[in-house]
Amino acid sequence: MGQVDEKELKLQVAKAIRLLEAVELLDMNGHVSCRIPGTDRFFINSRKASRASVTVGDIVMCDLNGKLLEGDSEPPSEYHIHTEIYKRRSDVLSVIHNHPHYQTVLGIADVAMKPVFGIGSFVDNVPVYEKSSLINTAELGAELAETIGKEISVQLRNHGTVVAAESVKAAFARSVFIEENAKKQYDALLLGREIRVLTGDNLVRTRETAWQPSIIEKVWTYHEQRALKQDILEGIDEQSPQTMMSK
């Protein structure tokens, strides 16, 4: 892969972090990674980088053992989430670990997430990983990766969620709408009535029509443009001093 493409991947990772922080799916913690296609290397935000002001210069490159290959700061302590999923899933090119409110609340209440909303109807089987501590060892990362299996998301009880996808944009869009689906499910449960879950042919058609590559791009563009209007992406292209010196 050429240098221009790698720069674009780093920019997408940085943008995804700022956009997720803006919609309150990330706080001072959480991380986004992108595997470089055809390699055993990936980009991820550095441990020290503020999620609210992360730049391209804060995106580091590591191998699948978490060894730093490029950048001036170590990866997050939970990089094992990313490496262990990448080792098992050749179809996954992006992993996001976030801390969404409504999904976490449903998990605390032991309420399984169900498809209740059109564009969030891809929610199906969301497995639950019961250990709520930091996933900061290879053993815990392997357990988590085995729990998510071939699914697109796994819930970390009392902690947060992990989303896996074929691209940064797809992982971002899934993160946004899994949480939106959870919010609508939570609000419906407050009414104290039986909730209507999408099922059967209606569910199949809703998924087919509401979740296309064009929808992923539309979701990304909407949040990107909204962030630009609010100056949320200001300075995102800035390089770290070390990166600038090496040019």
C-alpha atoms as a PDB file:
ATOM      1  CA  MET A   1       0.000   0.000   0.000  1.00  0.00           C
ATOM      2  CA  GLY A   2       1.322   3.416  -0.901  1.00  0.00           C
ATOM      3  CA  GLN A   3       2.130   6.224   1.469  1.00  0.00           C
ATOM      4  CA  VAL A   4      -0.819   8.332   0.329  1.00  0.00           C
ATOM      5  CA  ASP A   5      -3.247   5.550   1.228  1.00  0.00           C
ATOM      6  CA  GLU A   6      -1.672   5.020   4.647  1.00  0.00           C
ATOM      7  CA  LYS A   7      -1.982   8.724   5.360  1.00  0.00           C
ATOM      8  CA  GLU A   8      -5.673   8.547   4.465  1.00  0.00           C
ATOM      9  CA  LEU A   9      -6.163   5.590   6.819  1.00  0.00           C
ATOM     10  CA  LYS A  10      -4.501   7.515   9.645  1.00  0.00           C
ATOM     11  CA  LEU A  11      -6.709  10.507   8.929  1.00  0.00           C
ATOM     12  CA  GLN A  12      -9.828   8.318   9.010  1.00  0.00           C
ATOM     13  CA  VAL A  13      -8.800   6.881  12.385  1.00  0.00           C
ATOM     14  CA  ALA A  14      -8.222  10.367  13.808  1.00  0.00           C
ATOM     15  CA  LYS A  15     -11.532  11.643  12.395  1.00  0.00           C
ATOM     16  CA  ALA A  16     -13.455   8.654  13.726  1.00  0.00           C
ATOM     17  CA  ILE A  17     -12.110   9.300  17.232  1.00  0.00           C
ATOM     18  CA  ARG A  18     -13.083  12.967  17.190  1.00  0.00           C
ATOM     19  CA  LEU A  19     -16.506  12.188  15.727  1.00  0.00           C
ATOM     20  CA  LEU A  20     -17.184   9.467  18.292  1.00  0.00           C
ATOM     21  CA  GLU A  21     -16.122  11.789  21.105  1.00  0.00           C
ATOM     22  CA  ALA A  22     -18.434  14.479  19.730  1.00  0.00           C
ATOM     23  CA  VAL A  23     -21.446  12.145  19.908  1.00  0.00           C
ATOM     24  CA  GLU A  24     -20.364  10.940  23.367  1.00  0.00           C
ATOM     25  CA  LEU A  25     -19.467   7.378  22.449  1.00  0.00           C
ATOM     26  CA  LEU A  26     -15.861   7.980  23.495  1.00  0.00           C
ATOM     27  CA  ASP A  27     -14.721   9.941  26.526  1.00  0.00           C
ATOM     28  CA  MET A  28     -11.162  10.295  27.823  1.00  0.00           C
ATOM     29  CA  ASN A  29     -10.751   6.618  27.016  1.00  0.00           C
ATOM     30  CA  GLY A  30     -11.534   4.379  24.058  1.00  0.00           C
ATOM     31  CA  HIS A  31      -9.752   3.681  20.796  1.00  0.00           C
ATOM     32  CA  VAL A  32     -10.141   3.181  17.077  1.00  0.00           C
ATOM     33  CA  SER A  33      -7.863   1.048  14.924  1.00  0.00           C
ATOM     34  CA  CYS A  34      -7.492   0.265  11.249  1.00  0.00           C
ATOM     35  CA  ARG A  35      -5.605  -2.696   9.871  1.00  0.00           C
ATOM     36  CA  ILE A  36      -3.443  -1.893   6.860  1.00  0.00           C
ATOM     37  CA  PRO A  37      -4.891  -4.188   4.169  1.00  0.00           C
ATOM     38  CA  GLY A  38      -2.694  -7.141   3.261  1.00  0.00           C
ATOM     39  CA  THR A  39      -0.406  -6.715   6.283  1.00  0.00           C
ATOM     40  CA  ASP A  40      -0.114  -7.631   9.953  1.00  0.00           C
ATOM     41  CA  ARG A  41       0.168  -3.977  10.913  1.00  0.00           C
ATOM     42  CA  PHE A  42      -2.459  -1.533  12.114  1.00  0.00           C
ATOM     43  CA  PHE A  43      -2.950   2.108  13.029  1.00  0.00           C
ATOM     44  CA  ILE A  44      -4.395   3.138  16.403  1.00  0.00           C
ATOM     45  CA  ASN A  45      -4.566   6.296  18.499  1.00  0.00           C
ATOM     46  CA  SER A  46      -1.714   6.579  20.963  1.00  0.00           C
ATOM     47  CA  ARG A  47      -2.337   6.106  24.657  1.00  0.00           C
ATOM     48  CA  LYS A  48      -1.470   9.682  25.564  1.00  0.00           C
ATOM     49  CA  ALA A  49      -3.581  11.389  22.878  1.00  0.00           C
ATOM     50  CA  SER A  50      -6.663  13.306  23.998  1.00  0.00           C
ATOM     51  CA  ARG A  51      -9.706  11.863  22.292  1.00  0.00           C
ATOM     52  CA  ALA A  52     -11.120  15.378  21.937  1.00  0.00           C
ATOM     53  CA  SER A  53      -8.122  16.774  20.083  1.00  0.00           C
ATOM     54  CA  VAL A  54      -6.370  13.765  18.534  1.00  0.00           C
ATOM     55  CA  THR A  55      -4.459  14.509  15.329  1.00  0.00           C
ATOM     56  CA  VAL A  56      -2.905  12.443  12.549  1.00  0.00           C
ATOM     57  CA  GLY A  57       0.378  12.808  14.450  1.00  0.00           C
ATOM     58  CA  ASP A  58      -1.153  10.919  17.381  1.00  0.00           C
ATOM     59  CA  ILE A  59      -1.895   7.832  15.295  1.00  0.00           C
ATOM     60  CA  VAL A  60       0.738   5.141  15.762  1.00  0.00           C
ATOM     61  CA  MET A  61       1.497   1.945  13.846  1.00  0.00           C
ATOM     62  CA  CYS A  62       1.889  -1.408  15.610  1.00  0.00           C
ATOM     63  CA  ASP A  63       2.269  -5.054  14.689  1.00  0.00           C
ATOM     64  CA  LEU A  64      -0.118  -7.776  15.875  1.00  0.00           C
ATOM     65  CA  ASN A  65       1.911  -8.196  19.053  1.00  0.00           C
ATOM     66  CA  GLY A  66       1.376  -4.546  19.919  1.00  0.00           C
ATOM     67  CA  LYS A  67       4.986  -3.588  19.168  1.00  0.00           C
ATOM     68  CA  LEU A  68       5.308   0.067  18.202  1.00  0.00           C
ATOM     69  CA  LEU A  69       6.543   0.377  14.609  1.00  0.00           C
ATOM     70  CA  GLU A  70       5.841   4.044  13.899  1.00  0.00           C
ATOM     71  CA  GLY A  71       5.036   6.995  16.138  1.00  0.00           C
ATOM     72  CA  ASP A  72       6.354   8.628  19.276  1.00  0.00           C
ATOM     73  CA  SER A  73       4.024   7.150  21.917  1.00  0.00           C
ATOM     74  CA  GLU A  74       2.871   3.699  22.984  1.00  0.00           C
ATOM     75  CA  PRO A  75      -0.548   2.323  21.969  1.00  0.00           C
ATOM     76  CA  PRO A  76      -3.415   2.145  24.489  1.00  0.00           C
ATOM     77  CA  SER A  77      -3.089  -0.510  27.188  1.00  0.00           C
ATOM     78  CA  GLU A  78      -6.115  -2.307  25.717  1.00  0.00           C
ATOM     79  CA  TYR A  79      -4.510  -2.814  22.309  1.00  0.00           C
ATOM     80  CA  HIS A  80      -5.031  -6.537  22.900  1.00  0.00           C
ATOM     81  CA  ILE A  81      -8.703  -6.028  21.982  1.00  0.00           C
ATOM     82  CA  HIS A  82      -7.606  -5.077  18.493  1.00  0.00           C
ATOM     83  CA  THR A  83      -4.703  -7.485  17.980  1.00  0.00           C
ATOM     84  CA  GLU A  84      -6.589 -10.583  19.108  1.00  0.00           C
ATOM     85  CA  ILE A  85      -9.573  -9.827  16.875  1.00  0.00           C
ATOM     86  CA  TYR A  86      -7.319  -9.125  13.887  1.00  0.00           C
ATOM     87  CA  LYS A  87      -5.496 -12.422  14.441  1.00  0.00           C
ATOM     88  CA  ARG A  88      -8.785 -14.319  14.188  1.00  0.00           C
ATOM     89  CA  ARG A  89     -10.773 -12.260  11.684  1.00  0.00           C
ATOM     90  CA  SER A  90      -9.300 -11.645   8.232  1.00  0.00           C
ATOM     91  CA  ASP A  91     -12.588  -9.931   7.294  1.00  0.00           C
ATOM     92  CA  VAL A  92     -12.099  -7.221   9.925  1.00  0.00           C
ATOM     93  CA  LEU A  93     -10.107  -4.118   8.993  1.00  0.00           C
ATOM     94  CA  SER A  94     -11.298  -1.809  11.775  1.00  0.00           C
ATOM     95  CA  VAL A  95     -12.069  -2.229  15.477  1.00  0.00           C
ATOM     96  CA  ILE A  96     -13.607   0.337  17.817  1.00  0.00           C
ATOM     97  CA  HIS A  97     -13.781   0.115  21.595  1.00  0.00           C
ATOM     98  CA  ASN A  98     -16.137   2.696  23.012  1.00  0.00           C
ATOM     99  CA  HIS A  99     -18.147   3.496  26.138  1.00  0.00           C
ATOM    100  CA  PRO A 100     -21.761   4.048  25.038  1.00  0.00           C
ATOM    101  CA  HIS A 101     -24.331   4.982  27.675  1.00  0.00           C
ATOM    102  CA  TYR A 102     -27.461   3.134  26.578  1.00  0.00           C
ATOM    103  CA  GLN A 103     -25.820  -0.139  25.582  1.00  0.00           C
ATOM    104  CA  THR A 104     -24.007  -0.192  28.907  1.00  0.00           C
ATOM    105  CA  VAL A 105     -27.226   0.527  30.817  1.00  0.00           C
ATOM    106  CA  LEU A 106     -29.046  -2.320  29.048  1.00  0.00           C
ATOM    107  CA  GLY A 107     -26.145  -4.590  29.938  1.00  0.00           C
ATOM    108  CA  ILE A 108     -26.234  -3.564  33.595  1.00  0.00           C
ATOM    109  CA  ALA A 109     -29.963  -4.396  33.627  1.00  0.00           C
ATOM    110  CA  ASP A 110     -29.243  -7.679  31.791  1.00  0.00           C
ATOM    111  CA  VAL A 111     -31.521  -6.722  28.905  1.00  0.00           C
ATOM    112  CA  ALA A 112     -30.494  -8.266  25.579  1.00  0.00           C
ATOM    113  CA  MET A 113     -30.311  -5.823  22.680  1.00  0.00           C
ATOM    114  CA  LYS A 114     -32.930  -6.384  19.980  1.00  0.00           C
ATOM    115  CA  PRO A 115     -33.477  -4.874  16.502  1.00  0.00           C
ATOM    116  CA  VAL A 116     -36.089  -2.180  17.094  1.00  0.00           C
ATOM    117  CA  PHE A 117     -35.035   0.629  14.736  1.00  0.00           C
ATOM    118  CA  GLY A 118     -34.688   0.716  10.959  1.00  0.00           C
ATOM    119  CA  ILE A 119     -31.087   1.736  10.444  1.00  0.00           C
ATOM    120  CA  GLY A 120     -30.068  -0.092  13.617  1.00  0.00           C
ATOM    121  CA  SER A 121     -31.798  -3.296  12.553  1.00  0.00           C
ATOM    122  CA  PHE A 122     -28.485  -5.060  11.900  1.00  0.00           C
ATOM    123  CA  VAL A 123     -28.355  -5.623  15.671  1.00  0.00           C
ATOM    124  CA  ASP A 124     -28.900  -9.330  16.128  1.00  0.00           C
ATOM    125  CA  ASN A 125     -26.847 -11.565  18.354  1.00  0.00           C
ATOM    126  CA  VAL A 126     -24.735  -9.332  20.598  1.00  0.00           C
ATOM    127  CA  PRO A 127     -22.691 -11.599  22.870  1.00  0.00           C
ATOM    128  CA  VAL A 128     -21.669 -10.413  26.330  1.00  0.00           C
ATOM    129  CA  TYR A 129     -18.186 -10.603  27.812  1.00  0.00           C
ATOM    130  CA  GLU A 130     -18.571 -10.722  31.588  1.00  0.00           C
ATOM    131  CA  LYS A 131     -15.200  -9.378  32.743  1.00  0.00           C
ATOM    132  CA  SER A 132     -15.485  -5.615  33.212  1.00  0.00           C
ATOM    133  CA  SER A 133     -11.820  -4.845  33.870  1.00  0.00           C
ATOM    134  CA  LEU A 134      -9.442  -3.312  31.364  1.00  0.00           C
ATOM    135  CA  ILE A 135      -8.608  -5.751  28.570  1.00  0.00           C
ATOM    136  CA  ASN A 136      -4.902  -5.165  29.058  1.00  0.00           C
ATOM    137  CA  THR A 137      -3.455  -8.644  28.604  1.00  0.00           C
ATOM    138  CA  ALA A 138      -3.240 -10.981  25.621  1.00  0.00           C
ATOM    139  CA  GLU A 139      -5.196 -13.598  27.575  1.00  0.00           C
ATOM    140  CA  LEU A 140      -8.132 -11.253  28.174  1.00  0.00           C
ATOM    141  CA  GLY A 141      -7.958 -10.026  24.586  1.00  0.00           C
ATOM    142  CA  ALA A 142      -8.122 -13.620  23.346  1.00  0.00           C
ATOM    143  CA  GLU A 143     -11.137 -14.331  25.548  1.00  0.00           C
ATOM    144  CA  LEU A 144     -12.897 -11.260  24.205  1.00  0.00           C
ATOM    145  CA  ALA A 145     -12.057 -12.157  20.607  1.00  0.00           C
ATOM    146  CA  GLU A 146     -13.453 -15.652  21.136  1.00  0.00           C
ATOM    147  CA  THR A 147     -16.612 -14.145  22.625  1.00  0.00           C
ATOM    148  CA  ILE A 148     -17.301 -11.850  19.672  1.00  0.00           C
ATOM    149  CA  GLY A 149     -16.644 -14.771  17.315  1.00  0.00           C
ATOM    150  CA  LYS A 150     -18.020 -13.874  13.883  1.00  0.00           C
ATOM    151  CA  GLU A 151     -20.417 -11.210  15.190  1.00  0.00           C
ATOM    152  CA  ILE A 152     -20.077  -7.481  14.563  1.00  0.00           C
ATOM    153  CA  SER A 153     -20.237  -6.359  18.180  1.00  0.00           C
ATOM    154  CA  VAL A 154     -19.649  -7.613  21.704  1.00  0.00           C
ATOM    155  CA  GLN A 155     -20.766  -5.990  24.915  1.00  0.00           C
ATOM    156  CA  LEU A 156     -18.349  -5.711  27.827  1.00  0.00           C
ATOM    157  CA  ARG A 157     -20.641  -5.920  30.847  1.00  0.00           C
ATOM    158  CA  ASN A 158     -20.376  -2.826  33.089  1.00  0.00           C
ATOM    159  CA  HIS A 159     -17.679  -1.426  30.799  1.00  0.00           C
ATOM    160  CA  GLY A 160     -18.483  -0.685  27.151  1.00  0.00           C
ATOM    161  CA  THR A 161     -18.612  -2.295  23.723  1.00  0.00           C
ATOM    162  CA  VAL A 162     -16.395  -3.413  20.865  1.00  0.00           C
ATOM    163  CA  VAL A 163     -17.403  -3.138  17.212  1.00  0.00           C
ATOM    164  CA  ALA A 164     -15.665  -4.892  14.304  1.00  0.00           C
ATOM    165  CA  ALA A 165     -16.130  -3.998  10.639  1.00  0.00           C
ATOM    166  CA  GLU A 166     -14.643  -4.021   7.157  1.00  0.00           C
ATOM    167  CA  SER A 167     -13.563  -0.354   7.304  1.00  0.00           C
ATOM    168  CA  VAL A 168     -13.217   2.594   9.667  1.00  0.00           C
ATOM    169  CA  LYS A 169     -16.319   4.213   8.208  1.00  0.00           C
ATOM    170  CA  ALA A 170     -18.371   1.043   8.618  1.00  0.00           C
ATOM    171  CA  ALA A 171     -17.172   0.559  12.206  1.00  0.00           C
ATOM    172  CA  PHE A 172     -18.049   4.176  12.951  1.00  0.00           C
ATOM    173  CA  ALA A 173     -21.536   3.894  11.435  1.00  0.00           C
ATOM    174  CA  ARG A 174     -22.223   0.656  13.270  1.00  0.00           C
ATOM    175  CA  SER A 175     -21.096   2.208  16.556  1.00  0.00           C
ATOM    176  CA  VAL A 176     -23.447   5.158  16.100  1.00  0.00           C
ATOM    177  CA  PHE A 177     -26.503   3.109  15.195  1.00  0.00           C
ATOM    178  CA  ILE A 178     -26.027   0.258  17.657  1.00  0.00           C
ATOM    179  CA  GLU A 179     -26.215   2.963  20.313  1.00  0.00           C
ATOM    180  CA  GLU A 180     -29.199   4.654  18.648  1.00  0.00           C
ATOM    181  CA  ASN A 181     -30.988   1.308  18.517  1.00  0.00           C
ATOM    182  CA  ALA A 182     -30.187   0.727  22.211  1.00  0.00           C
ATOM    183  CA  LYS A 183     -31.483   4.197  23.093  1.00  0.00           C
ATOM    184  CA  LYS A 184     -34.797   3.571  21.363  1.00  0.00           C
ATOM    185  CA  GLN A 185     -35.111   0.154  22.996  1.00  0.00           C
ATOM    186  CA  TYR A 186     -34.378   1.695  26.402  1.00  0.00           C
ATOM    187  CA  ASP A 187     -36.905   4.503  25.919  1.00  0.00           C
ATOM    188  CA  ALA A 188     -39.585   2.069  24.733  1.00  0.00           C
ATOM    189  CA  LEU A 189     -39.049  -0.094  27.806  1.00  0.00           C
ATOM    190  CA  LEU A 190     -39.727   2.949  30.006  1.00  0.00           C
ATOM    191  CA  LEU A 191     -43.320   2.980  28.743  1.00  0.00           C
ATOM    192  CA  GLY A 192     -43.934  -0.263  30.586  1.00  0.00           C
ATOM    193  CA  ARG A 193     -45.488  -2.018  27.614  1.00  0.00           C
ATOM    194  CA  GLU A 194     -44.406  -4.929  25.470  1.00  0.00           C
ATOM    195  CA  ILE A 195     -41.988  -3.637  22.857  1.00  0.00           C
ATOM    196  CA  ARG A 196     -42.364  -4.452  19.164  1.00  0.00           C
ATOM    197  CA  VAL A 197     -39.182  -6.009  17.820  1.00  0.00           C
ATOM    198  CA  LEU A 198     -38.450  -6.282  14.087  1.00  0.00           C
ATOM    199  CA  THR A 199     -38.843  -9.901  13.000  1.00  0.00           C
ATOM    200  CA  GLY A 200     -39.260 -12.197  10.005  1.00  0.00           C
ATOM    201  CA  ASP A 201     -39.451 -10.919   6.450  1.00  0.00           C
ATOM    202  CA  ASN A 202     -39.903  -7.362   7.700  1.00  0.00           C
ATOM    203  CA  LEU A 203     -36.579  -7.553   9.539  1.00  0.00           C
ATOM    204  CA  VAL A 204     -34.829  -9.063   6.507  1.00  0.00           C
ATOM    205  CA  ARG A 205     -36.097  -6.379   4.123  1.00  0.00           C
ATOM    206  CA  THR A 206     -35.384  -3.576   6.600  1.00  0.00           C
ATOM    207  CA  ARG A 207     -31.795  -4.743   6.937  1.00  0.00           C
ATOM    208  CA  GLU A 208     -31.360  -5.067   3.187  1.00  0.00           C
ATOM    209  CA  THR A 209     -32.691  -1.587   2.449  1.00  0.00           C
ATOM    210  CA  ALA A 210     -31.344   0.312   5.464  1.00  0.00           C
ATOM    211  CA  TRP A 211     -27.753  -0.937   5.556  1.00  0.00           C
ATOM    212  CA  GLN A 212     -25.923  -0.480   2.271  1.00  0.00           C
ATOM    213  CA  PRO A 213     -22.436   0.902   1.475  1.00  0.00           C
ATOM    214  CA  SER A 214     -24.129   4.134   0.407  1.00  0.00           C
ATOM    215  CA  ILE A 215     -25.727   4.409   3.858  1.00  0.00           C
ATOM    216  CA  ILE A 216     -22.362   3.953   5.558  1.00  0.00           C
ATOM    217  CA  GLU A 217     -20.918   6.763   3.439  1.00  0.00           C
ATOM    218  CA  LYS A 218     -23.964   8.945   4.122  1.00  0.00           C
ATOM    219  CA  VAL A 219     -23.643   8.460   7.891  1.00  0.00           C
ATOM    220  CA  TRP A 220     -19.927   9.287   7.797  1.00  0.00           C
ATOM    221  CA  THR A 221     -20.432  12.367   5.605  1.00  0.00           C
ATOM    222  CA  TYR A 222     -23.254  13.674   7.798  1.00  0.00           C
ATOM    223  CA  HIS A 223     -21.183  13.491  10.978  1.00  0.00           C
ATOM    224  CA  GLU A 224     -18.067  14.780   9.237  1.00  0.00           C
ATOM    225  CA  GLN A 225     -19.898  17.822   7.830  1.00  0.00           C
ATOM    226  CA  ARG A 226     -21.586  18.492  11.153  1.00  0.00           C
ATOM    227  CA  ALA A 227     -18.205  18.358  12.880  1.00  0.00           C
ATOM    228  CA  LEU A 228     -16.697  20.748  10.327  1.00  0.00           C
ATOM    229  CA  LYS A 229     -19.446  23.283  11.011  1.00  0.00           C
ATOM    230  CA  GLN A 230     -18.681  23.061  14.731  1.00  0.00           C
ATOM    231  CA  ASP A 231     -14.873  23.197  14.265  1.00  0.00           C
ATOM    232  CA  ILE A 232     -14.558  19.754  15.873  1.00  0.00           C
ATOM    233  CA  LEU A 233     -12.007  18.656  13.260  1.00  0.00           C
ATOM    234  CA  GLU A 234      -9.817  21.765  13.533  1.00  0.00           C
ATOM    235  CA  GLY A 235      -6.099  20.964  13.413  1.00  0.00           C
ATOM    236  CA  ILE A 236      -6.622  17.254  12.809  1.00  0.00           C
ATOM    237  CA  ASP A 237      -3.926  17.136  10.086  1.00  0.00           C
ATOM    238  CA  GLU A 238      -1.194  18.281  12.462  1.00  0.00           C
ATOM    239  CA  GLN A 239       1.819  15.994  12.686  1.00  0.00           C
ATOM    240  CA  SER A 240       3.774  15.189  15.814  1.00  0.00           C
ATOM    241  CA  PRO A 241       7.176  16.938  16.146  1.00  0.00           C
ATOM    242  CA  GLN A 242       8.997  13.614  15.645  1.00  0.00           C
ATOM    243  CA  THR A 243       7.048  12.864  12.455  1.00  0.00           C
ATOM    244  CA  MET A 244       7.780  16.324  11.082  1.00  0.00           C
ATOM    245  CA  MET A 245      11.506  15.982  11.814  1.00  0.00           C
ATOM    246  CA  SER A 246      11.682  12.616  10.036  1.00  0.00           C
ATOM    247  CA  LYS A 247      10.378  13.978   6.736  1.00  0.00           C
END
